[in-house]
Amino acid sequence: MSIADRTDVTSLLERLLADRILIIDGAMGTMIQEHKFEEADFRGREFADHGRDLKGCNDLLCVTQPAAIEEIHRKYLEAGADIIETNSFNSNRLSMLNYGLENYCRELNQASAACARRAADWMTARTPDRPRFVAGSIGPTDRSASMSRNVDDPGERNVTYDQLVEAYTEQVAGLVEGGVDILLAETAFDTLNLKACLFAIAQYFEEHHVRLPVMASVTIFPGGRTLPGQTLEAFWNSISHADLLSV
């Protein structure tokens, strides 16, 4: 599906949402665990000679085991999902540093979008009166722009806002190029990270003359606050300027 074909996705989603609840899929990681993949499965032919351990890098399976990922997507669609999320939660260069894959992020996002796109189009072809959609999953990274991990230095940070924007921009580009209908900035634990993500998305839209629906989700911890301590109301006030389909 080309970018041009996706220009009316927002209006279509809004019409459908005015009529009924749309169902999003469930967890990807637990479904992957059922396959009991080993190191060689994660590596595949493409990364057979990679110098770091790759077992547990679930996003990589979109390249090395795409049939398995597509099968998981299809199972969720058959169970009734209207929206499926790409297997790209950690496909940003900050998180992929853990596996030495930081230079493959664009490829990983393109591959994850392609897996989900094939599955969604397959189901839509079976039930053309009920279109299915692909949401590009953008995780919060494994770093916090608001909190220090050093109890002796509260001002210390292991990532900057600009680094987050750069990483998110690369991920957004790969997801859009791969064919997603929606961008989903999900399970944010740090509002500043999410704001960097939303800024990167808006900037990408402006520079590439494209606009897709954007969804966001936040993790609220016991006590009703985000990890840095924001209440849900404060969180909402922090992102209410963004043009979001859902939160």
C-alpha atoms as a PDB file:
ATOM      1  CA  MET A   1       0.000   0.000   0.000  1.00  0.00           C
ATOM      2  CA  SER A   2       1.492   3.338  -1.040  1.00  0.00           C
ATOM      3  CA  ILE A   3       1.533   6.475   1.078  1.00  0.00           C
ATOM      4  CA  ALA A   4      -1.007   7.980  -1.311  1.00  0.00           C
ATOM      5  CA  ASP A   5      -3.376   5.078  -0.683  1.00  0.00           C
ATOM      6  CA  ARG A   6      -3.188   5.765   3.063  1.00  0.00           C
ATOM      7  CA  THR A   7      -4.172   9.437   2.989  1.00  0.00           C
ATOM      8  CA  ASP A   8      -7.802   8.685   3.911  1.00  0.00           C
ATOM      9  CA  VAL A   9      -7.037   6.224   6.719  1.00  0.00           C
ATOM     10  CA  THR A  10      -7.795   8.772   9.429  1.00  0.00           C
ATOM     11  CA  SER A  11     -11.266   9.564   8.096  1.00  0.00           C
ATOM     12  CA  LEU A  12     -11.972   5.854   7.598  1.00  0.00           C
ATOM     13  CA  LEU A  13     -10.899   5.041  11.160  1.00  0.00           C
ATOM     14  CA  GLU A  14     -12.988   7.891  12.551  1.00  0.00           C
ATOM     15  CA  ARG A  15     -16.052   6.668  10.651  1.00  0.00           C
ATOM     16  CA  LEU A  16     -15.557   3.133  11.945  1.00  0.00           C
ATOM     17  CA  LEU A  17     -14.955   4.317  15.512  1.00  0.00           C
ATOM     18  CA  ALA A  18     -18.162   6.340  15.389  1.00  0.00           C
ATOM     19  CA  ASP A  19     -19.987   3.093  14.658  1.00  0.00           C
ATOM     20  CA  ARG A  20     -18.241   0.529  16.874  1.00  0.00           C
ATOM     21  CA  ILE A  21     -15.276  -0.297  19.081  1.00  0.00           C
ATOM     22  CA  LEU A  22     -12.162  -1.327  17.151  1.00  0.00           C
ATOM     23  CA  ILE A  23     -10.127  -4.138  18.691  1.00  0.00           C
ATOM     24  CA  ILE A  24      -6.335  -3.982  18.860  1.00  0.00           C
ATOM     25  CA  ASP A  25      -4.250  -7.141  19.119  1.00  0.00           C
ATOM     26  CA  GLY A  26      -2.517  -8.560  22.200  1.00  0.00           C
ATOM     27  CA  ALA A  27       1.030  -9.246  23.302  1.00  0.00           C
ATOM     28  CA  MET A  28       3.651 -10.257  20.748  1.00  0.00           C
ATOM     29  CA  GLY A  29       6.398 -11.431  23.121  1.00  0.00           C
ATOM     30  CA  THR A  30       4.431 -14.228  24.754  1.00  0.00           C
ATOM     31  CA  MET A  31       3.348 -15.513  21.351  1.00  0.00           C
ATOM     32  CA  ILE A  32       6.976 -15.557  20.211  1.00  0.00           C
ATOM     33  CA  GLN A  33       7.987 -17.477  23.343  1.00  0.00           C
ATOM     34  CA  GLU A  34       5.693 -20.325  22.305  1.00  0.00           C
ATOM     35  CA  HIS A  35       7.978 -20.947  19.315  1.00  0.00           C
ATOM     36  CA  LYS A  36      10.940 -21.595  21.648  1.00  0.00           C
ATOM     37  CA  PHE A  37      13.413 -20.045  19.216  1.00  0.00           C
ATOM     38  CA  GLU A  38      17.116 -20.592  19.937  1.00  0.00           C
ATOM     39  CA  GLU A  39      20.154 -18.476  19.093  1.00  0.00           C
ATOM     40  CA  ALA A  40      20.445 -19.916  15.582  1.00  0.00           C
ATOM     41  CA  ASP A  41      16.801 -19.089  14.877  1.00  0.00           C
ATOM     42  CA  PHE A  42      17.288 -15.461  15.859  1.00  0.00           C
ATOM     43  CA  ARG A  43      20.431 -15.204  13.736  1.00  0.00           C
ATOM     44  CA  GLY A  44      19.072 -16.889  10.614  1.00  0.00           C
ATOM     45  CA  ARG A  45      21.241 -16.704   7.534  1.00  0.00           C
ATOM     46  CA  GLU A  46      21.245 -12.918   7.599  1.00  0.00           C
ATOM     47  CA  PHE A  47      23.049 -12.547  10.942  1.00  0.00           C
ATOM     48  CA  ALA A  48      24.848 -15.896  11.208  1.00  0.00           C
ATOM     49  CA  ASP A  49      28.208 -14.172  11.699  1.00  0.00           C
ATOM     50  CA  HIS A  50      27.066 -11.341  13.951  1.00  0.00           C
ATOM     51  CA  GLY A  51      29.497 -10.765  16.812  1.00  0.00           C
ATOM     52  CA  ARG A  52      26.945 -10.490  19.641  1.00  0.00           C
ATOM     53  CA  ASP A  53      24.353 -12.856  21.135  1.00  0.00           C
ATOM     54  CA  LEU A  54      20.964 -12.215  19.540  1.00  0.00           C
ATOM     55  CA  LYS A  55      18.622 -14.576  21.380  1.00  0.00           C
ATOM     56  CA  GLY A  56      15.805 -12.517  22.846  1.00  0.00           C
ATOM     57  CA  CYS A  57      15.944  -9.795  20.195  1.00  0.00           C
ATOM     58  CA  ASN A  58      12.358 -10.399  19.123  1.00  0.00           C
ATOM     59  CA  ASP A  59      12.264  -7.556  16.612  1.00  0.00           C
ATOM     60  CA  LEU A  60      15.007  -9.267  14.601  1.00  0.00           C
ATOM     61  CA  LEU A  61      12.669 -12.176  13.857  1.00  0.00           C
ATOM     62  CA  CYS A  62      10.863  -9.993  11.314  1.00  0.00           C
ATOM     63  CA  VAL A  63      14.002 -10.405   9.197  1.00  0.00           C
ATOM     64  CA  THR A  64      15.144 -13.916  10.143  1.00  0.00           C
ATOM     65  CA  GLN A  65      11.776 -15.640  10.830  1.00  0.00           C
ATOM     66  CA  PRO A  66       9.182 -13.515   9.007  1.00  0.00           C
ATOM     67  CA  ALA A  67       6.772 -16.419   8.427  1.00  0.00           C
ATOM     68  CA  ALA A  68       6.467 -16.990  12.184  1.00  0.00           C
ATOM     69  CA  ILE A  69       5.768 -13.318  12.869  1.00  0.00           C
ATOM     70  CA  GLU A  70       3.227 -13.133  10.074  1.00  0.00           C
ATOM     71  CA  GLU A  71       1.525 -16.238  11.484  1.00  0.00           C
ATOM     72  CA  ILE A  72       1.181 -14.529  14.882  1.00  0.00           C
ATOM     73  CA  HIS A  73      -0.372 -11.493  13.205  1.00  0.00           C
ATOM     74  CA  ARG A  74      -2.818 -13.735  11.351  1.00  0.00           C
ATOM     75  CA  LYS A  75      -3.855 -15.479  14.560  1.00  0.00           C
ATOM     76  CA  TYR A  76      -4.756 -12.154  16.139  1.00  0.00           C
ATOM     77  CA  LEU A  77      -6.679 -11.141  13.030  1.00  0.00           C
ATOM     78  CA  GLU A  78      -8.557 -14.438  13.028  1.00  0.00           C
ATOM     79  CA  ALA A  79      -9.355 -13.887  16.717  1.00  0.00           C
ATOM     80  CA  GLY A  80     -11.045 -10.607  15.818  1.00  0.00           C
ATOM     81  CA  ALA A  81      -8.402  -7.856  15.886  1.00  0.00           C
ATOM     82  CA  ASP A  82      -9.077  -4.821  13.695  1.00  0.00           C
ATOM     83  CA  ILE A  83      -5.631  -3.325  14.331  1.00  0.00           C
ATOM     84  CA  ILE A  84      -2.390  -5.287  14.583  1.00  0.00           C
ATOM     85  CA  GLU A  85       0.865  -3.853  15.928  1.00  0.00           C
ATOM     86  CA  THR A  86       4.167  -4.304  14.163  1.00  0.00           C
ATOM     87  CA  ASN A  87       6.834  -6.337  15.950  1.00  0.00           C
ATOM     88  CA  SER A  88       9.039  -3.260  16.310  1.00  0.00           C
ATOM     89  CA  PHE A  89       8.740  -2.278  19.965  1.00  0.00           C
ATOM     90  CA  ASN A  90      12.525  -2.044  20.431  1.00  0.00           C
ATOM     91  CA  SER A  91      13.537  -1.200  16.864  1.00  0.00           C
ATOM     92  CA  ASN A  92      15.299   2.036  17.728  1.00  0.00           C
ATOM     93  CA  ARG A  93      19.050   2.565  17.800  1.00  0.00           C
ATOM     94  CA  LEU A  94      19.146   3.231  21.562  1.00  0.00           C
ATOM     95  CA  SER A  95      17.592  -0.135  22.448  1.00  0.00           C
ATOM     96  CA  MET A  96      19.378  -2.003  19.657  1.00  0.00           C
ATOM     97  CA  LEU A  97      22.756  -0.968  21.045  1.00  0.00           C
ATOM     98  CA  ASN A  98      22.257  -3.897  23.437  1.00  0.00           C
ATOM     99  CA  TYR A  99      22.584  -6.287  20.499  1.00  0.00           C
ATOM    100  CA  GLY A 100      25.014  -4.358  18.311  1.00  0.00           C
ATOM    101  CA  LEU A 101      22.204  -3.819  15.781  1.00  0.00           C
ATOM    102  CA  GLU A 102      21.904  -0.046  16.013  1.00  0.00           C
ATOM    103  CA  ASN A 103      22.758   0.344  12.310  1.00  0.00           C
ATOM    104  CA  TYR A 104      19.931  -1.950  11.173  1.00  0.00           C
ATOM    105  CA  CYS A 105      16.984  -0.105  12.687  1.00  0.00           C
ATOM    106  CA  ARG A 106      15.501   1.219   9.461  1.00  0.00           C
ATOM    107  CA  GLU A 107      15.630  -2.265   7.954  1.00  0.00           C
ATOM    108  CA  LEU A 108      14.066  -3.815  11.069  1.00  0.00           C
ATOM    109  CA  ASN A 109      11.172  -1.373  11.001  1.00  0.00           C
ATOM    110  CA  GLN A 110      10.583  -1.867   7.293  1.00  0.00           C
ATOM    111  CA  ALA A 111      10.572  -5.640   7.783  1.00  0.00           C
ATOM    112  CA  SER A 112       8.201  -5.494  10.766  1.00  0.00           C
ATOM    113  CA  ALA A 113       5.794  -3.294   8.843  1.00  0.00           C
ATOM    114  CA  ALA A 114       5.938  -5.619   5.843  1.00  0.00           C
ATOM    115  CA  CYS A 115       5.066  -8.688   7.961  1.00  0.00           C
ATOM    116  CA  ALA A 116       2.048  -6.980   9.481  1.00  0.00           C
ATOM    117  CA  ARG A 117       1.012  -5.424   6.161  1.00  0.00           C
ATOM    118  CA  ARG A 118       0.888  -8.805   4.434  1.00  0.00           C
ATOM    119  CA  ALA A 119      -1.229 -10.261   7.234  1.00  0.00           C
ATOM    120  CA  ALA A 120      -3.633  -7.309   7.368  1.00  0.00           C
ATOM    121  CA  ASP A 121      -4.088  -7.254   3.594  1.00  0.00           C
ATOM    122  CA  TRP A 122      -4.673 -11.018   3.618  1.00  0.00           C
ATOM    123  CA  MET A 123      -7.480 -10.654   6.139  1.00  0.00           C
ATOM    124  CA  THR A 124      -8.986  -7.587   4.463  1.00  0.00           C
ATOM    125  CA  ALA A 125      -9.124  -9.530   1.192  1.00  0.00           C
ATOM    126  CA  ARG A 126     -11.082 -12.260   2.994  1.00  0.00           C
ATOM    127  CA  THR A 127     -13.513  -9.787   4.572  1.00  0.00           C
ATOM    128  CA  PRO A 128     -13.495  -6.647   2.384  1.00  0.00           C
ATOM    129  CA  ASP A 129     -16.412  -5.165   4.314  1.00  0.00           C
ATOM    130  CA  ARG A 130     -14.197  -5.084   7.422  1.00  0.00           C
ATOM    131  CA  PRO A 131     -10.800  -3.522   6.659  1.00  0.00           C
ATOM    132  CA  ARG A 132      -7.852  -4.277   8.951  1.00  0.00           C
ATOM    133  CA  PHE A 133      -5.145  -1.812   9.914  1.00  0.00           C
ATOM    134  CA  VAL A 134      -1.444  -1.890  10.806  1.00  0.00           C
ATOM    135  CA  ALA A 135      -0.136   0.196  13.696  1.00  0.00           C
ATOM    136  CA  GLY A 136       3.597   0.838  13.781  1.00  0.00           C
ATOM    137  CA  SER A 137       4.714   0.043  17.337  1.00  0.00           C
ATOM    138  CA  ILE A 138       7.164   2.576  18.785  1.00  0.00           C
ATOM    139  CA  GLY A 139       8.342   1.629  22.265  1.00  0.00           C
ATOM    140  CA  PRO A 140       9.654   4.050  24.903  1.00  0.00           C
ATOM    141  CA  THR A 141      13.313   2.888  24.520  1.00  0.00           C
ATOM    142  CA  ASP A 142      15.193   1.596  27.560  1.00  0.00           C
ATOM    143  CA  ARG A 143      16.291   5.087  28.634  1.00  0.00           C
ATOM    144  CA  SER A 144      14.682   7.980  30.481  1.00  0.00           C
ATOM    145  CA  ALA A 145      15.064  11.644  29.614  1.00  0.00           C
ATOM    146  CA  SER A 146      13.556  12.698  32.963  1.00  0.00           C
ATOM    147  CA  MET A 147      15.260  10.463  35.507  1.00  0.00           C
ATOM    148  CA  SER A 148      18.777   9.649  36.636  1.00  0.00           C
ATOM    149  CA  ARG A 149      19.909   6.083  37.227  1.00  0.00           C
ATOM    150  CA  ASN A 150      22.607   7.382  39.530  1.00  0.00           C
ATOM    151  CA  VAL A 151      21.260   7.948  43.049  1.00  0.00           C
ATOM    152  CA  ASP A 152      24.314  10.080  43.813  1.00  0.00           C
ATOM    153  CA  ASP A 153      23.684  12.458  40.890  1.00  0.00           C
ATOM    154  CA  PRO A 154      20.003  13.282  40.280  1.00  0.00           C
ATOM    155  CA  GLY A 155      20.950  15.485  37.330  1.00  0.00           C
ATOM    156  CA  GLU A 156      22.678  12.733  35.395  1.00  0.00           C
ATOM    157  CA  ARG A 157      20.961  11.450  32.228  1.00  0.00           C
ATOM    158  CA  ASN A 158      21.851   8.575  29.900  1.00  0.00           C
ATOM    159  CA  VAL A 159      20.034  10.099  26.927  1.00  0.00           C
ATOM    160  CA  THR A 160      19.219  13.566  25.612  1.00  0.00           C
ATOM    161  CA  TYR A 161      16.013  14.834  24.051  1.00  0.00           C
ATOM    162  CA  ASP A 162      17.792  15.301  20.710  1.00  0.00           C
ATOM    163  CA  GLN A 163      19.089  11.720  20.766  1.00  0.00           C
ATOM    164  CA  LEU A 164      15.561  10.464  21.336  1.00  0.00           C
ATOM    165  CA  VAL A 165      14.210  12.571  18.479  1.00  0.00           C
ATOM    166  CA  GLU A 166      16.911  11.238  16.163  1.00  0.00           C
ATOM    167  CA  ALA A 167      16.214   7.622  17.113  1.00  0.00           C
ATOM    168  CA  TYR A 168      12.453   8.021  16.802  1.00  0.00           C
ATOM    169  CA  THR A 169      12.732   9.784  13.443  1.00  0.00           C
ATOM    170  CA  GLU A 170      14.684   6.857  12.018  1.00  0.00           C
ATOM    171  CA  GLN A 171      12.099   4.411  13.350  1.00  0.00           C
ATOM    172  CA  VAL A 172       9.156   6.400  12.008  1.00  0.00           C
ATOM    173  CA  ALA A 173      10.777   6.534   8.570  1.00  0.00           C
ATOM    174  CA  GLY A 174      11.184   2.759   8.455  1.00  0.00           C
ATOM    175  CA  LEU A 175       7.626   2.103   9.604  1.00  0.00           C
ATOM    176  CA  VAL A 176       6.067   4.512   7.117  1.00  0.00           C
ATOM    177  CA  GLU A 177       8.203   3.159   4.287  1.00  0.00           C
ATOM    178  CA  GLY A 178       7.162  -0.363   5.276  1.00  0.00           C
ATOM    179  CA  GLY A 179       3.484   0.442   4.886  1.00  0.00           C
ATOM    180  CA  VAL A 180       1.861   1.085   8.283  1.00  0.00           C
ATOM    181  CA  ASP A 181      -1.517   2.822   8.530  1.00  0.00           C
ATOM    182  CA  ILE A 182      -1.064   4.199  12.048  1.00  0.00           C
ATOM    183  CA  LEU A 183       1.843   5.178  14.284  1.00  0.00           C
ATOM    184  CA  LEU A 184       1.517   3.947  17.875  1.00  0.00           C
ATOM    185  CA  ALA A 185       3.813   5.474  20.491  1.00  0.00           C
ATOM    186  CA  GLU A 186       3.162   2.900  23.175  1.00  0.00           C
ATOM    187  CA  THR A 187       3.548   2.150  26.866  1.00  0.00           C
ATOM    188  CA  ALA A 188       5.340   5.411  27.608  1.00  0.00           C
ATOM    189  CA  PHE A 189       6.760   5.484  31.131  1.00  0.00           C
ATOM    190  CA  ASP A 190       8.444   8.894  30.750  1.00  0.00           C
ATOM    191  CA  THR A 191       6.380  11.737  29.307  1.00  0.00           C
ATOM    192  CA  LEU A 192       9.478  13.552  28.044  1.00  0.00           C
ATOM    193  CA  ASN A 193      10.406  10.501  25.972  1.00  0.00           C
ATOM    194  CA  LEU A 194       6.897  10.462  24.538  1.00  0.00           C
ATOM    195  CA  LYS A 195       7.032  14.173  23.765  1.00  0.00           C
ATOM    196  CA  ALA A 196      10.275  13.561  21.849  1.00  0.00           C
ATOM    197  CA  CYS A 197       8.520  10.800  19.918  1.00  0.00           C
ATOM    198  CA  LEU A 198       5.501  12.952  19.088  1.00  0.00           C
ATOM    199  CA  PHE A 199       7.802  15.772  17.998  1.00  0.00           C
ATOM    200  CA  ALA A 200       9.748  13.389  15.745  1.00  0.00           C
ATOM    201  CA  ILE A 201       6.500  12.147  14.182  1.00  0.00           C
ATOM    202  CA  ALA A 202       5.175  15.662  13.560  1.00  0.00           C
ATOM    203  CA  GLN A 203       8.501  16.759  12.102  1.00  0.00           C
ATOM    204  CA  TYR A 204       8.613  13.717   9.806  1.00  0.00           C
ATOM    205  CA  PHE A 205       5.067  14.399   8.597  1.00  0.00           C
ATOM    206  CA  GLU A 206       5.949  18.013   7.852  1.00  0.00           C
ATOM    207  CA  GLU A 207       9.138  17.201   5.980  1.00  0.00           C
ATOM    208  CA  HIS A 208       7.710  14.313   3.944  1.00  0.00           C
ATOM    209  CA  HIS A 209       4.229  15.724   3.260  1.00  0.00           C
ATOM    210  CA  VAL A 210       2.459  12.720   4.739  1.00  0.00           C
ATOM    211  CA  ARG A 211       0.102  12.383   7.680  1.00  0.00           C
ATOM    212  CA  LEU A 212      -1.042   9.196   9.383  1.00  0.00           C
ATOM    213  CA  PRO A 213      -3.221   8.713  12.457  1.00  0.00           C
ATOM    214  CA  VAL A 214      -1.204   8.693  15.686  1.00  0.00           C
ATOM    215  CA  MET A 215      -2.087   6.746  18.823  1.00  0.00           C
ATOM    216  CA  ALA A 216      -0.364   6.853  22.209  1.00  0.00           C
ATOM    217  CA  SER A 217      -0.446   4.771  25.369  1.00  0.00           C
ATOM    218  CA  VAL A 218       1.044   5.329  28.803  1.00  0.00           C
ATOM    219  CA  THR A 219       2.103   3.045  31.644  1.00  0.00           C
ATOM    220  CA  ILE A 220       0.627   4.056  34.992  1.00  0.00           C
ATOM    221  CA  PHE A 221       2.300   2.477  38.026  1.00  0.00           C
ATOM    222  CA  PRO A 222       0.798   1.636  41.445  1.00  0.00           C
ATOM    223  CA  GLY A 223      -0.230   4.902  43.041  1.00  0.00           C
ATOM    224  CA  GLY A 224      -1.651   6.264  39.783  1.00  0.00           C
ATOM    225  CA  ARG A 225       1.480   7.919  38.439  1.00  0.00           C
ATOM    226  CA  THR A 226       4.028   7.526  35.655  1.00  0.00           C
ATOM    227  CA  LEU A 227       7.511   6.342  36.622  1.00  0.00           C
ATOM    228  CA  PRO A 228       8.879   9.918  37.068  1.00  0.00           C
ATOM    229  CA  GLY A 229       5.831  10.756  39.210  1.00  0.00           C
ATOM    230  CA  GLN A 230       3.289  12.465  36.954  1.00  0.00           C
ATOM    231  CA  THR A 231      -0.386  11.922  37.642  1.00  0.00           C
ATOM    232  CA  LEU A 232      -2.555  10.810  34.742  1.00  0.00           C
ATOM    233  CA  GLU A 233      -4.079  14.298  34.534  1.00  0.00           C
ATOM    234  CA  ALA A 234      -0.628  15.888  34.382  1.00  0.00           C
ATOM    235  CA  PHE A 235       0.421  13.411  31.719  1.00  0.00           C
ATOM    236  CA  TRP A 236      -2.626  14.273  29.626  1.00  0.00           C
ATOM    237  CA  ASN A 237      -1.985  17.998  29.988  1.00  0.00           C
ATOM    238  CA  SER A 238       1.591  17.419  28.783  1.00  0.00           C
ATOM    239  CA  ILE A 239       0.557  15.783  25.509  1.00  0.00           C
ATOM    240  CA  SER A 240      -2.887  17.311  24.874  1.00  0.00           C
ATOM    241  CA  HIS A 241      -1.423  19.600  22.218  1.00  0.00           C
ATOM    242  CA  ALA A 242      -0.776  16.626  19.932  1.00  0.00           C
ATOM    243  CA  ASP A 243      -3.251  15.558  17.263  1.00  0.00           C
ATOM    244  CA  LEU A 244      -3.939  12.028  18.505  1.00  0.00           C
ATOM    245  CA  LEU A 245      -6.509   9.483  17.378  1.00  0.00           C
ATOM    246  CA  SER A 246      -6.483   7.831  20.790  1.00  0.00           C
ATOM    247  CA  VAL A 247      -4.703   7.749  24.132  1.00  0.00           C
END
